[in-house]
Amino acid sequence: MNKTELVNAVAEKAGLTKVDAKKAVDAAVAAVTEALAKNDKVALIGFGTLAVTERKARQGVNPATGKKITVAARKVVKFKAGAELAAAVK
């Protein structure tokens, strides 16, 4: 499902126009992005939790040359599915 399909599904399920549904989806994405940028955790009960974690620097291998390289430390977003979502996809 891409963003357009998500907007259409939200419009249908919530009884909104597609314009209003797009505004709602955009606002939700912006709110989640802002929270994660502040290192806050976003927990949607039944759906899952998004959180920022730090990855340490590590040694990797360039597959083209076989040379060892250092992969820099960085922050990544991790998602843990909630119980209801996990049960729905079984």
C-alpha atoms as a PDB file:
ATOM      1  CA  MET A   1       0.000   0.000   0.000  1.00  0.00           C
ATOM      2  CA  ASN A   2       1.393   3.387  -0.956  1.00  0.00           C
ATOM      3  CA  LYS A   3       0.436   6.806   0.422  1.00  0.00           C
ATOM      4  CA  THR A   4      -2.347   7.395  -2.131  1.00  0.00           C
ATOM      5  CA  GLU A   5      -3.903   4.023  -1.325  1.00  0.00           C
ATOM      6  CA  LEU A   6      -3.625   4.782   2.397  1.00  0.00           C
ATOM      7  CA  VAL A   7      -5.351   8.148   1.931  1.00  0.00           C
ATOM      8  CA  ASN A   8      -8.151   6.459  -0.041  1.00  0.00           C
ATOM      9  CA  ALA A   9      -8.593   3.787   2.652  1.00  0.00           C
ATOM     10  CA  VAL A  10      -8.675   6.392   5.446  1.00  0.00           C
ATOM     11  CA  ALA A  11     -11.219   8.450   3.502  1.00  0.00           C
ATOM     12  CA  GLU A  12     -13.446   5.423   3.017  1.00  0.00           C
ATOM     13  CA  LYS A  13     -13.228   4.067   6.562  1.00  0.00           C
ATOM     14  CA  ALA A  14     -13.569   7.458   8.297  1.00  0.00           C
ATOM     15  CA  GLY A  15     -16.195   8.882   5.945  1.00  0.00           C
ATOM     16  CA  LEU A  16     -13.937  11.785   4.948  1.00  0.00           C
ATOM     17  CA  THR A  17     -13.218  13.402   1.641  1.00  0.00           C
ATOM     18  CA  LYS A  18      -9.927  12.424   0.068  1.00  0.00           C
ATOM     19  CA  VAL A  19      -8.635  15.975   0.657  1.00  0.00           C
ATOM     20  CA  ASP A  20      -9.440  15.773   4.383  1.00  0.00           C
ATOM     21  CA  ALA A  21      -8.024  12.253   4.624  1.00  0.00           C
ATOM     22  CA  LYS A  22      -4.779  13.428   2.969  1.00  0.00           C
ATOM     23  CA  LYS A  23      -4.539  16.270   5.494  1.00  0.00           C
ATOM     24  CA  ALA A  24      -5.088  13.777   8.337  1.00  0.00           C
ATOM     25  CA  VAL A  25      -2.476  11.325   7.039  1.00  0.00           C
ATOM     26  CA  ASP A  26       0.042  14.129   6.437  1.00  0.00           C
ATOM     27  CA  ALA A  27      -0.573  15.528   9.934  1.00  0.00           C
ATOM     28  CA  ALA A  28      -0.141  12.092  11.529  1.00  0.00           C
ATOM     29  CA  VAL A  29       3.100  11.452   9.643  1.00  0.00           C
ATOM     30  CA  ALA A  30       4.402  14.911  10.582  1.00  0.00           C
ATOM     31  CA  ALA A  31       3.540  14.394  14.256  1.00  0.00           C
ATOM     32  CA  VAL A  32       5.290  11.002  14.344  1.00  0.00           C
ATOM     33  CA  THR A  33       8.336  12.427  12.535  1.00  0.00           C
ATOM     34  CA  GLU A  34       8.599  15.346  14.968  1.00  0.00           C
ATOM     35  CA  ALA A  35       8.317  13.054  17.985  1.00  0.00           C
ATOM     36  CA  LEU A  36      11.009  10.704  16.681  1.00  0.00           C
ATOM     37  CA  ALA A  37      13.273  13.660  15.851  1.00  0.00           C
ATOM     38  CA  LYS A  38      13.064  14.602  19.551  1.00  0.00           C
ATOM     39  CA  ASN A  39      13.992  10.992  20.503  1.00  0.00           C
ATOM     40  CA  ASP A  40      10.482  10.400  21.844  1.00  0.00           C
ATOM     41  CA  LYS A  41       8.851   6.990  21.570  1.00  0.00           C
ATOM     42  CA  VAL A  42       5.548   6.745  19.645  1.00  0.00           C
ATOM     43  CA  ALA A  43       3.297   3.991  21.001  1.00  0.00           C
ATOM     44  CA  LEU A  44       0.033   3.171  19.255  1.00  0.00           C
ATOM     45  CA  ILE A  45      -1.710   0.621  21.462  1.00  0.00           C
ATOM     46  CA  GLY A  46      -2.583  -2.485  19.473  1.00  0.00           C
ATOM     47  CA  PHE A  47      -0.585  -1.354  16.435  1.00  0.00           C
ATOM     48  CA  GLY A  48       2.991  -0.988  17.629  1.00  0.00           C
ATOM     49  CA  THR A  49       5.785   1.213  18.908  1.00  0.00           C
ATOM     50  CA  LEU A  50       8.276   3.332  16.993  1.00  0.00           C
ATOM     51  CA  ALA A  51      11.473   4.322  18.788  1.00  0.00           C
ATOM     52  CA  VAL A  52      14.870   5.781  17.920  1.00  0.00           C
ATOM     53  CA  THR A  53      17.908   3.711  18.839  1.00  0.00           C
ATOM     54  CA  GLU A  54      21.644   4.238  18.376  1.00  0.00           C
ATOM     55  CA  ARG A  55      23.698   1.876  16.265  1.00  0.00           C
ATOM     56  CA  LYS A  56      27.323   1.687  17.260  1.00  0.00           C
ATOM     57  CA  ALA A  57      30.103   2.078  14.726  1.00  0.00           C
ATOM     58  CA  ARG A  58      31.144  -1.269  13.318  1.00  0.00           C
ATOM     59  CA  GLN A  59      33.431  -2.946  10.806  1.00  0.00           C
ATOM     60  CA  GLY A  60      31.895  -3.932   7.493  1.00  0.00           C
ATOM     61  CA  VAL A  61      33.120  -5.287   4.182  1.00  0.00           C
ATOM     62  CA  ASN A  62      32.792  -3.565   0.824  1.00  0.00           C
ATOM     63  CA  PRO A  63      31.256  -6.346  -1.310  1.00  0.00           C
ATOM     64  CA  ALA A  64      32.774  -4.990  -4.526  1.00  0.00           C
ATOM     65  CA  THR A  65      36.372  -4.901  -3.312  1.00  0.00           C
ATOM     66  CA  GLY A  66      36.381  -7.106  -0.225  1.00  0.00           C
ATOM     67  CA  LYS A  67      38.117  -4.351   1.747  1.00  0.00           C
ATOM     68  CA  LYS A  68      37.162  -3.718   5.347  1.00  0.00           C
ATOM     69  CA  ILE A  69      35.445  -0.409   6.013  1.00  0.00           C
ATOM     70  CA  THR A  70      34.187   1.332   9.113  1.00  0.00           C
ATOM     71  CA  VAL A  71      30.434   1.908   9.182  1.00  0.00           C
ATOM     72  CA  ALA A  72      29.758   5.056  11.204  1.00  0.00           C
ATOM     73  CA  ALA A  73      27.494   5.147  14.255  1.00  0.00           C
ATOM     74  CA  ARG A  74      24.007   6.461  13.551  1.00  0.00           C
ATOM     75  CA  LYS A  75      20.470   6.675  14.836  1.00  0.00           C
ATOM     76  CA  VAL A  76      17.818   4.390  13.356  1.00  0.00           C
ATOM     77  CA  VAL A  77      14.074   4.017  13.803  1.00  0.00           C
ATOM     78  CA  LYS A  78      12.884   0.639  15.049  1.00  0.00           C
ATOM     79  CA  PHE A  79       9.315  -0.667  14.957  1.00  0.00           C
ATOM     80  CA  LYS A  80       7.932  -3.304  17.293  1.00  0.00           C
ATOM     81  CA  ALA A  81       4.525  -4.661  16.316  1.00  0.00           C
ATOM     82  CA  GLY A  82       1.788  -4.650  18.948  1.00  0.00           C
ATOM     83  CA  ALA A  83      -0.083  -7.798  19.951  1.00  0.00           C
ATOM     84  CA  GLU A  84      -3.178  -7.041  17.864  1.00  0.00           C
ATOM     85  CA  LEU A  85      -1.169  -6.317  14.720  1.00  0.00           C
ATOM     86  CA  ALA A  86       0.964  -9.425  15.208  1.00  0.00           C
ATOM     87  CA  ALA A  87      -2.162 -11.556  15.657  1.00  0.00           C
ATOM     88  CA  ALA A  88      -3.804 -10.025  12.564  1.00  0.00           C
ATOM     89  CA  VAL A  89      -0.943 -11.005  10.250  1.00  0.00           C
ATOM     90  CA  LYS A  90      -0.574 -14.599  11.439  1.00  0.00           C
END
